C-alpha atoms as a PDB file:
ATOM      1  CA  MET A   1       0.004  -0.219   0.011  1.00  0.00           C
ATOM      2  CA  ARG A   2       1.352   3.571  -0.924  1.00  0.00           C
ATOM      3  CA  LYS A   3       1.597   5.847   1.512  1.00  0.00           C
ATOM      4  CA  ILE A   4      -0.367   9.060   1.001  1.00  0.00           C
ATOM      5  CA  LYS A   5       0.650  12.634   2.114  1.00  0.00           C
ATOM      6  CA  VAL A   6      -1.671  14.532   4.378  1.00  0.00           C
ATOM      7  CA  ARG A   7      -1.020  18.117   4.839  1.00  0.00           C
ATOM      8  CA  HIS A   8      -1.815  19.031   8.242  1.00  0.00           C
ATOM      9  CA  GLN A   9      -3.003  22.731   9.170  1.00  0.00           C
ATOM     10  CA  ARG A  10      -3.831  24.796  12.337  1.00  0.00           C
ATOM     11  CA  LEU A  11      -7.028  26.478  11.648  1.00  0.00           C
ATOM     12  CA  PRO A  12      -7.001  29.706  14.526  1.00  0.00           C
ATOM     13  CA  GLY A  13     -10.811  29.813  16.259  1.00  0.00           C
ATOM     14  CA  ILE A  14     -11.915  27.091  14.392  1.00  0.00           C
ATOM     15  CA  GLY A  15     -10.049  23.534  14.777  1.00  0.00           C
ATOM     16  CA  GLU A  16      -7.516  21.643  12.466  1.00  0.00           C
ATOM     17  CA  LEU A  17      -7.340  20.809   8.372  1.00  0.00           C
ATOM     18  CA  PHE A  18      -6.435  17.874   7.446  1.00  0.00           C
ATOM     19  CA  GLU A  19      -6.292  17.648   3.291  1.00  0.00           C
ATOM     20  CA  PHE A  20      -4.622  15.114   0.448  1.00  0.00           C
ATOM     21  CA  VAL A  21      -5.132  14.726  -3.139  1.00  0.00           C
ATOM     22  CA  THR A  22      -6.529  11.569  -4.548  1.00  0.00           C
ATOM     23  CA  ALA A  23      -4.862   9.351  -7.738  1.00  0.00           C
ATOM     24  CA  ALA A  24      -7.621  10.833  -9.774  1.00  0.00           C
ATOM     25  CA  GLY A  25      -6.700  15.030  -8.555  1.00  0.00           C
ATOM     26  CA  LEU A  26      -9.629  15.255  -6.358  1.00  0.00           C
ATOM     27  CA  ARG A  27      -8.448  17.438  -2.987  1.00  0.00           C
ATOM     28  CA  VAL A  28      -9.787  15.872  -0.229  1.00  0.00           C
ATOM     29  CA  GLY A  29     -10.421  18.148   3.147  1.00  0.00           C
ATOM     30  CA  VAL A  30     -11.372  17.198   7.290  1.00  0.00           C
ATOM     31  CA  VAL A  31     -11.707  20.221   9.279  1.00  0.00           C
ATOM     32  CA  THR A  32     -12.409  18.721  12.739  1.00  0.00           C
ATOM     33  CA  HIS A  33     -13.596  21.850  14.336  1.00  0.00           C
ATOM     34  CA  ARG A  34     -12.881  22.678  18.265  1.00  0.00           C
ATOM     35  CA  SER A  35     -16.446  21.578  18.953  1.00  0.00           C
ATOM     36  CA  GLY A  36     -16.362  18.331  17.839  1.00  0.00           C
ATOM     37  CA  ARG A  37     -17.988  18.505  14.604  1.00  0.00           C
ATOM     38  CA  HIS A  38     -15.947  17.875  11.888  1.00  0.00           C
ATOM     39  CA  GLY A  39     -16.330  18.646   7.935  1.00  0.00           C
ATOM     40  CA  LEU A  40     -15.608  17.224   4.694  1.00  0.00           C
ATOM     41  CA  VAL A  41     -15.037  18.943   1.442  1.00  0.00           C
ATOM     42  CA  VAL A  42     -13.965  17.740  -1.676  1.00  0.00           C
ATOM     43  CA  SER A  43     -12.962  19.697  -5.283  1.00  0.00           C
ATOM     44  CA  GLU A  44     -10.935  19.227  -7.980  1.00  0.00           C
ATOM     45  CA  ARG A  45      -7.799  20.525  -7.592  1.00  0.00           C
ATOM     46  CA  GLY A  46      -7.287  24.177  -8.606  1.00  0.00           C
ATOM     47  CA  ALA A  47     -11.458  24.496  -8.982  1.00  0.00           C
ATOM     48  CA  ASP A  48     -12.322  28.037  -6.289  1.00  0.00           C
ATOM     49  CA  GLU A  49     -15.634  25.885  -5.420  1.00  0.00           C
ATOM     50  CA  PRO A  50     -16.023  22.412  -3.483  1.00  0.00           C
ATOM     51  CA  VAL A  51     -17.772  19.548  -5.598  1.00  0.00           C
ATOM     52  CA  VAL A  52     -18.914  18.542  -1.800  1.00  0.00           C
ATOM     53  CA  THR A  53     -19.270  19.641   1.272  1.00  0.00           C
ATOM     54  CA  ALA A  54     -20.932  17.812   4.421  1.00  0.00           C
ATOM     55  CA  VAL A  55     -20.672  18.266   8.268  1.00  0.00           C
ATOM     56  CA  LEU A  56     -20.744  15.163  10.195  1.00  0.00           C
ATOM     57  CA  THR A  57     -21.006  15.047  13.516  1.00  0.00           C
ATOM     58  CA  GLN A  58     -18.853  12.751  15.543  1.00  0.00           C
ATOM     59  CA  LYS A  59     -20.601   9.802  15.079  1.00  0.00           C
ATOM     60  CA  ALA A  60     -21.157  10.266  11.647  1.00  0.00           C
ATOM     61  CA  ALA A  61     -17.373  10.830  11.238  1.00  0.00           C
ATOM     62  CA  ALA A  62     -16.608   7.713  13.428  1.00  0.00           C
ATOM     63  CA  ALA A  63     -19.357   5.840  10.781  1.00  0.00           C
ATOM     64  CA  LEU A  64     -16.982   7.042   7.853  1.00  0.00           C
ATOM     65  CA  ALA A  65     -13.223   6.408   8.889  1.00  0.00           C
ATOM     66  CA  ALA A  66     -14.955   2.506   9.919  1.00  0.00           C
ATOM     67  CA  PRO A  67     -13.867   1.299   6.557  1.00  0.00           C
ATOM     68  CA  LEU A  68     -11.353   3.741   6.088  1.00  0.00           C
ATOM     69  CA  THR A  69      -8.858   3.161   8.966  1.00  0.00           C
ATOM     70  CA  ASP A  70      -6.341   0.842   6.962  1.00  0.00           C
ATOM     71  CA  ALA A  71      -4.824   3.627   5.566  1.00  0.00           C
ATOM     72  CA  HIS A  72      -1.115   4.683   6.355  1.00  0.00           C
ATOM     73  CA  VAL A  73      -0.694   8.454   6.466  1.00  0.00           C
ATOM     74  CA  GLU A  74       2.133  10.883   6.614  1.00  0.00           C
ATOM     75  CA  LEU A  75       1.537  14.020   8.068  1.00  0.00           C
ATOM     76  CA  THR A  76       3.370  17.486   6.811  1.00  0.00           C
ATOM     77  CA  THR A  77       2.536  21.050   6.425  1.00  0.00           C
ATOM     78  CA  ASP A  78       4.077  21.079   2.828  1.00  0.00           C
ATOM     79  CA  ASP A  79       1.866  21.793  -0.116  1.00  0.00           C
ATOM     80  CA  ILE A  80       0.557  18.256  -1.271  1.00  0.00           C
ATOM     81  CA  ALA A  81      -0.238  19.332  -4.987  1.00  0.00           C
END
């Protein structure tokens, strides 16, 4: 399994952003809010507007993450493009 480079960015007053680019070129971002909510954002590389956005409760985020937990990631603060 290949490693996926995940960019990590602190969002002052909001939480944290974790973002990566898929093999198909889609940017996938997860915002973890300090309140416990999670946001999912999917956009095409270079696009101003996301294709998909979703706000998830902690329970919904856990349900989404469960089948995806076999991934190996490398956290970085560098650009992921």
